[in-house]
Amino acid sequence: MSIYATAVTSGIEALAGIKADQAYDQAYNVTYAAEAQRANIRNAMHAAELNVTAVRQDKVLTNTMIGMKQDEAEAAAKVAAATAGVEGGSVDDIIYETEKNESLAINSANRRAEQSIESQLAQIGSGMSSLLAVNDDLPEISYIDNLLGAVSSFELDDARIGEAFAAWSGGEA
């Protein structure tokens, strides 16, 4: 394509706004995709934060329920011992066993809760890293590339036409 044809085409595109529309669409699509990705990451991080809160609440409720069950078992053991007329070491052994079971159950529940919280916190950290990694570089419009493209398509006939035009108009080529 000659330089004149390139110039005419570029002029028509500029008048029609084709390049501007394409650049706008491309910039919009890149920005929209980056913002959509950020929104999804933020939603996942928020869900993980809510899960941490729920696990902590569940941990408190679980520990309370275990304590209530232990108190109930201890009371039942004391009532059964009193009903049977037994006292002393055997009753203390049963009470010790219920307290030991309570401690083991609370420890197990606390470990599960801490593991779950650590998992959620890891997801939040991963989300923070992902937020930093979102690429939202806008496309650059390069006018120099267009100019170099026009110059590279300069043909020998274009020089002759320019010389003829200059000679006709009384100027030098």
C-alpha atoms as a PDB file:
ATOM      1  CA  MET A   1       0.000   0.000   0.000  1.00  0.00           C
ATOM      2  CA  SER A   2       1.435   3.367  -0.921  1.00  0.00           C
ATOM      3  CA  ILE A   3       1.972   6.175   1.542  1.00  0.00           C
ATOM      4  CA  TYR A   4      -0.873   8.102  -0.021  1.00  0.00           C
ATOM      5  CA  ALA A   5      -3.255   5.195   0.394  1.00  0.00           C
ATOM      6  CA  THR A   6      -2.071   4.758   3.980  1.00  0.00           C
ATOM      7  CA  ALA A   7      -2.585   8.451   4.665  1.00  0.00           C
ATOM      8  CA  VAL A   8      -6.072   8.372   3.161  1.00  0.00           C
ATOM      9  CA  THR A   9      -6.963   5.241   5.131  1.00  0.00           C
ATOM     10  CA  SER A  10      -5.592   6.744   8.348  1.00  0.00           C
ATOM     11  CA  GLY A  11      -7.536   9.940   7.715  1.00  0.00           C
ATOM     12  CA  ILE A  12     -10.767   8.044   7.145  1.00  0.00           C
ATOM     13  CA  GLU A  13     -10.203   5.965  10.277  1.00  0.00           C
ATOM     14  CA  ALA A  14      -9.473   9.104  12.286  1.00  0.00           C
ATOM     15  CA  LEU A  15     -12.606  10.820  10.982  1.00  0.00           C
ATOM     16  CA  ALA A  16     -14.726   7.747  11.639  1.00  0.00           C
ATOM     17  CA  GLY A  17     -13.160   7.262  15.037  1.00  0.00           C
ATOM     18  CA  ILE A  18     -12.467   3.590  14.376  1.00  0.00           C
ATOM     19  CA  LYS A  19      -9.066   3.551  16.098  1.00  0.00           C
ATOM     20  CA  ALA A  20     -10.391   5.529  19.056  1.00  0.00           C
ATOM     21  CA  ASP A  21     -13.341   3.151  19.442  1.00  0.00           C
ATOM     22  CA  GLN A  22     -11.074   0.125  19.248  1.00  0.00           C
ATOM     23  CA  ALA A  23      -8.684   1.622  21.806  1.00  0.00           C
ATOM     24  CA  TYR A  24     -11.600   2.499  24.097  1.00  0.00           C
ATOM     25  CA  ASP A  25     -13.096  -0.990  23.781  1.00  0.00           C
ATOM     26  CA  GLN A  26      -9.753  -2.616  24.449  1.00  0.00           C
ATOM     27  CA  ALA A  27      -9.041  -0.396  27.483  1.00  0.00           C
ATOM     28  CA  TYR A  28     -12.574  -0.966  28.802  1.00  0.00           C
ATOM     29  CA  ASN A  29     -12.304  -4.746  28.415  1.00  0.00           C
ATOM     30  CA  VAL A  30      -8.940  -4.864  30.198  1.00  0.00           C
ATOM     31  CA  THR A  31     -10.172  -2.633  33.020  1.00  0.00           C
ATOM     32  CA  TYR A  32     -13.451  -4.530  33.375  1.00  0.00           C
ATOM     33  CA  ALA A  33     -11.689  -7.893  33.497  1.00  0.00           C
ATOM     34  CA  ALA A  34      -9.235  -6.636  36.142  1.00  0.00           C
ATOM     35  CA  GLU A  35     -12.009  -5.155  38.292  1.00  0.00           C
ATOM     36  CA  ALA A  36     -14.140  -8.295  37.968  1.00  0.00           C
ATOM     37  CA  GLN A  37     -11.155 -10.386  39.047  1.00  0.00           C
ATOM     38  CA  ARG A  38     -10.524  -8.069  42.016  1.00  0.00           C
ATOM     39  CA  ALA A  39     -14.197  -8.246  43.022  1.00  0.00           C
ATOM     40  CA  ASN A  40     -14.142 -12.055  42.948  1.00  0.00           C
ATOM     41  CA  ILE A  41     -10.974 -12.124  45.060  1.00  0.00           C
ATOM     42  CA  ARG A  42     -12.437  -9.662  47.559  1.00  0.00           C
ATOM     43  CA  ASN A  43     -15.625 -11.742  47.807  1.00  0.00           C
ATOM     44  CA  ALA A  44     -13.585 -14.885  48.509  1.00  0.00           C
ATOM     45  CA  MET A  45     -11.517 -13.043  51.134  1.00  0.00           C
ATOM     46  CA  HIS A  46     -14.665 -11.703  52.784  1.00  0.00           C
ATOM     47  CA  ALA A  47     -16.181 -15.196  52.850  1.00  0.00           C
ATOM     48  CA  ALA A  48     -12.996 -16.503  54.496  1.00  0.00           C
ATOM     49  CA  GLU A  49     -13.172 -13.723  57.101  1.00  0.00           C
ATOM     50  CA  LEU A  50     -16.780 -14.649  57.842  1.00  0.00           C
ATOM     51  CA  ASN A  51     -15.749 -18.298  58.130  1.00  0.00           C
ATOM     52  CA  VAL A  52     -13.071 -17.375  60.687  1.00  0.00           C
ATOM     53  CA  THR A  53     -15.691 -15.554  62.750  1.00  0.00           C
ATOM     54  CA  ALA A  54     -18.080 -18.493  62.484  1.00  0.00           C
ATOM     55  CA  VAL A  55     -15.364 -20.960  63.538  1.00  0.00           C
ATOM     56  CA  ARG A  56     -14.497 -18.823  66.568  1.00  0.00           C
ATOM     57  CA  GLN A  57     -18.162 -18.624  67.569  1.00  0.00           C
ATOM     58  CA  ASP A  58     -18.549 -22.357  67.035  1.00  0.00           C
ATOM     59  CA  LYS A  59     -15.469 -22.960  69.183  1.00  0.00           C
ATOM     60  CA  VAL A  60     -17.012 -21.026  72.074  1.00  0.00           C
ATOM     61  CA  LEU A  61     -20.333 -22.849  71.702  1.00  0.00           C
ATOM     62  CA  THR A  62     -18.640 -26.232  71.463  1.00  0.00           C
ATOM     63  CA  ASN A  63     -16.563 -25.600  74.576  1.00  0.00           C
ATOM     64  CA  THR A  64     -19.684 -24.471  76.424  1.00  0.00           C
ATOM     65  CA  MET A  65     -21.582 -27.590  75.332  1.00  0.00           C
ATOM     66  CA  ILE A  66     -18.691 -29.842  76.387  1.00  0.00           C
ATOM     67  CA  GLY A  67     -18.591 -28.131  79.793  1.00  0.00           C
ATOM     68  CA  MET A  68     -22.349 -28.585  80.188  1.00  0.00           C
ATOM     69  CA  LYS A  69     -22.102 -32.275  79.244  1.00  0.00           C
ATOM     70  CA  GLN A  70     -19.263 -32.739  81.756  1.00  0.00           C
ATOM     71  CA  ASP A  71     -21.253 -31.035  84.509  1.00  0.00           C
ATOM     72  CA  GLU A  72     -24.226 -33.242  83.652  1.00  0.00           C
ATOM     73  CA  ALA A  73     -22.085 -36.414  83.742  1.00  0.00           C
ATOM     74  CA  GLU A  74     -20.486 -35.387  87.039  1.00  0.00           C
ATOM     75  CA  ALA A  75     -23.879 -34.667  88.592  1.00  0.00           C
ATOM     76  CA  ALA A  76     -25.258 -37.991  87.343  1.00  0.00           C
ATOM     77  CA  ALA A  77     -22.247 -39.803  88.826  1.00  0.00           C
ATOM     78  CA  LYS A  78     -22.738 -38.111  92.202  1.00  0.00           C
ATOM     79  CA  VAL A  79     -26.467 -38.886  92.213  1.00  0.00           C
ATOM     80  CA  ALA A  80     -25.839 -42.504  91.260  1.00  0.00           C
ATOM     81  CA  ALA A  81     -23.188 -42.823  93.969  1.00  0.00           C
ATOM     82  CA  ALA A  82     -25.467 -41.238  96.578  1.00  0.00           C
ATOM     83  CA  THR A  83     -28.369 -43.462  95.545  1.00  0.00           C
ATOM     84  CA  ALA A  84     -26.190 -46.554  95.872  1.00  0.00           C
ATOM     85  CA  GLY A  85     -24.727 -45.321  99.117  1.00  0.00           C
ATOM     86  CA  VAL A  86     -21.176 -45.322  97.738  1.00  0.00           C
ATOM     87  CA  GLU A  87     -18.633 -42.648  98.532  1.00  0.00           C
ATOM     88  CA  GLY A  88     -14.906 -42.111  98.483  1.00  0.00           C
ATOM     89  CA  GLY A  89     -12.364 -43.201  95.894  1.00  0.00           C
ATOM     90  CA  SER A  90     -14.672 -44.813  93.356  1.00  0.00           C
ATOM     91  CA  VAL A  91     -16.815 -41.665  93.094  1.00  0.00           C
ATOM     92  CA  ASP A  92     -13.708 -39.499  92.805  1.00  0.00           C
ATOM     93  CA  ASP A  93     -12.403 -41.787  90.047  1.00  0.00           C
ATOM     94  CA  ILE A  94     -15.615 -41.344  88.051  1.00  0.00           C
ATOM     95  CA  ILE A  95     -15.521 -37.576  88.501  1.00  0.00           C
ATOM     96  CA  TYR A  96     -11.846 -37.535  87.469  1.00  0.00           C
ATOM     97  CA  GLU A  97     -12.714 -39.569  84.369  1.00  0.00           C
ATOM     98  CA  THR A  98     -15.459 -37.095  83.351  1.00  0.00           C
ATOM     99  CA  GLU A  99     -13.069 -34.157  83.832  1.00  0.00           C
ATOM    100  CA  LYS A 100     -10.392 -35.916  81.781  1.00  0.00           C
ATOM    101  CA  ASN A 101     -12.896 -36.595  79.007  1.00  0.00           C
ATOM    102  CA  GLU A 102     -13.949 -32.933  79.094  1.00  0.00           C
ATOM    103  CA  SER A 103     -10.326 -31.787  78.753  1.00  0.00           C
ATOM    104  CA  LEU A 104      -9.676 -34.147  75.841  1.00  0.00           C
ATOM    105  CA  ALA A 105     -12.874 -33.079  74.062  1.00  0.00           C
ATOM    106  CA  ILE A 106     -12.103 -29.355  74.515  1.00  0.00           C
ATOM    107  CA  ASN A 107      -8.527 -29.879  73.316  1.00  0.00           C
ATOM    108  CA  SER A 108      -9.722 -31.756  70.237  1.00  0.00           C
ATOM    109  CA  ALA A 109     -12.353 -29.107  69.441  1.00  0.00           C
ATOM    110  CA  ASN A 110      -9.813 -26.319  69.891  1.00  0.00           C
ATOM    111  CA  ARG A 111      -7.314 -28.042  67.560  1.00  0.00           C
ATOM    112  CA  ARG A 112      -9.962 -28.494  64.858  1.00  0.00           C
ATOM    113  CA  ALA A 113     -11.001 -24.847  65.221  1.00  0.00           C
ATOM    114  CA  GLU A 114      -7.407 -23.597  65.031  1.00  0.00           C
ATOM    115  CA  GLN A 115      -6.710 -25.694  61.927  1.00  0.00           C
ATOM    116  CA  SER A 116      -9.828 -24.367  60.276  1.00  0.00           C
ATOM    117  CA  ILE A 117      -8.918 -20.780  61.205  1.00  0.00           C
ATOM    118  CA  GLU A 118      -5.382 -21.239  59.863  1.00  0.00           C
ATOM    119  CA  SER A 119      -6.800 -22.578  56.608  1.00  0.00           C
ATOM    120  CA  GLN A 120      -9.108 -19.569  56.261  1.00  0.00           C
ATOM    121  CA  LEU A 121      -6.284 -17.153  57.102  1.00  0.00           C
ATOM    122  CA  ALA A 122      -4.138 -18.818  54.439  1.00  0.00           C
ATOM    123  CA  GLN A 123      -6.942 -18.222  51.932  1.00  0.00           C
ATOM    124  CA  ILE A 124      -7.078 -14.571  52.972  1.00  0.00           C
ATOM    125  CA  GLY A 125      -3.301 -14.265  52.516  1.00  0.00           C
ATOM    126  CA  SER A 126      -3.534 -15.929  49.144  1.00  0.00           C
ATOM    127  CA  GLY A 127      -6.286 -13.498  48.196  1.00  0.00           C
ATOM    128  CA  MET A 128      -4.101 -10.548  49.182  1.00  0.00           C
ATOM    129  CA  SER A 129      -1.321 -11.885  46.967  1.00  0.00           C
ATOM    130  CA  SER A 130      -3.785 -12.402  44.146  1.00  0.00           C
ATOM    131  CA  LEU A 131      -5.048  -8.833  44.504  1.00  0.00           C
ATOM    132  CA  LEU A 132      -1.509  -7.559  44.125  1.00  0.00           C
ATOM    133  CA  ALA A 133      -0.949  -9.771  41.099  1.00  0.00           C
ATOM    134  CA  VAL A 134      -3.971  -8.568  39.121  1.00  0.00           C
ATOM    135  CA  ASN A 135      -2.660  -7.082  35.908  1.00  0.00           C
ATOM    136  CA  ASP A 136      -4.560  -4.030  34.797  1.00  0.00           C
ATOM    137  CA  ASP A 137      -2.090  -2.450  32.410  1.00  0.00           C
ATOM    138  CA  LEU A 138      -4.038  -0.443  29.915  1.00  0.00           C
ATOM    139  CA  PRO A 139      -3.134  -0.865  26.274  1.00  0.00           C
ATOM    140  CA  GLU A 140      -1.015   1.929  24.933  1.00  0.00           C
ATOM    141  CA  ILE A 141      -1.896   3.629  21.679  1.00  0.00           C
ATOM    142  CA  SER A 142       1.282   3.971  19.709  1.00  0.00           C
ATOM    143  CA  TYR A 143       1.246   6.710  17.132  1.00  0.00           C
ATOM    144  CA  ILE A 144       4.898   6.023  16.355  1.00  0.00           C
ATOM    145  CA  ASP A 145       4.003   2.488  15.228  1.00  0.00           C
ATOM    146  CA  ASN A 146       1.429   3.940  12.847  1.00  0.00           C
ATOM    147  CA  LEU A 147       3.942   6.469  11.518  1.00  0.00           C
ATOM    148  CA  LEU A 148       6.626   3.804  11.060  1.00  0.00           C
ATOM    149  CA  GLY A 149       4.075   1.605   9.310  1.00  0.00           C
ATOM    150  CA  ALA A 150       3.273   4.422   6.921  1.00  0.00           C
ATOM    151  CA  VAL A 151       6.972   5.139   6.264  1.00  0.00           C
ATOM    152  CA  SER A 152       7.778   1.464   5.724  1.00  0.00           C
ATOM    153  CA  SER A 153       5.056   1.229   3.100  1.00  0.00           C
ATOM    154  CA  PHE A 154       6.611   4.133   1.194  1.00  0.00           C
ATOM    155  CA  GLU A 155       7.198   2.966  -2.345  1.00  0.00           C
ATOM    156  CA  LEU A 156       9.401   4.205  -5.145  1.00  0.00           C
ATOM    157  CA  ASP A 157       6.368   5.308  -7.099  1.00  0.00           C
ATOM    158  CA  ASP A 158       5.427   7.591  -4.206  1.00  0.00           C
ATOM    159  CA  ALA A 159       8.759   9.427  -4.583  1.00  0.00           C
ATOM    160  CA  ARG A 160       8.215   9.842  -8.326  1.00  0.00           C
ATOM    161  CA  ILE A 161       4.692  11.169  -7.758  1.00  0.00           C
ATOM    162  CA  GLY A 162       6.069  13.591  -5.169  1.00  0.00           C
ATOM    163  CA  GLU A 163       8.781  14.764  -7.579  1.00  0.00           C
ATOM    164  CA  ALA A 164       6.266  15.200 -10.380  1.00  0.00           C
ATOM    165  CA  PHE A 165       3.931  17.136  -8.114  1.00  0.00           C
ATOM    166  CA  ALA A 166       6.791  19.347  -6.912  1.00  0.00           C
ATOM    167  CA  ALA A 167       7.958  19.999 -10.512  1.00  0.00           C
ATOM    168  CA  TRP A 168       4.410  20.808 -11.619  1.00  0.00           C
ATOM    169  CA  SER A 169       3.889  23.241  -8.781  1.00  0.00           C
ATOM    170  CA  GLY A 170       7.232  24.915  -9.408  1.00  0.00           C
ATOM    171  CA  GLY A 171       8.982  23.609  -6.276  1.00  0.00           C
ATOM    172  CA  GLU A 172      11.785  21.170  -5.806  1.00  0.00           C
ATOM    173  CA  ALA A 173      11.413  17.562  -4.867  1.00  0.00           C
END
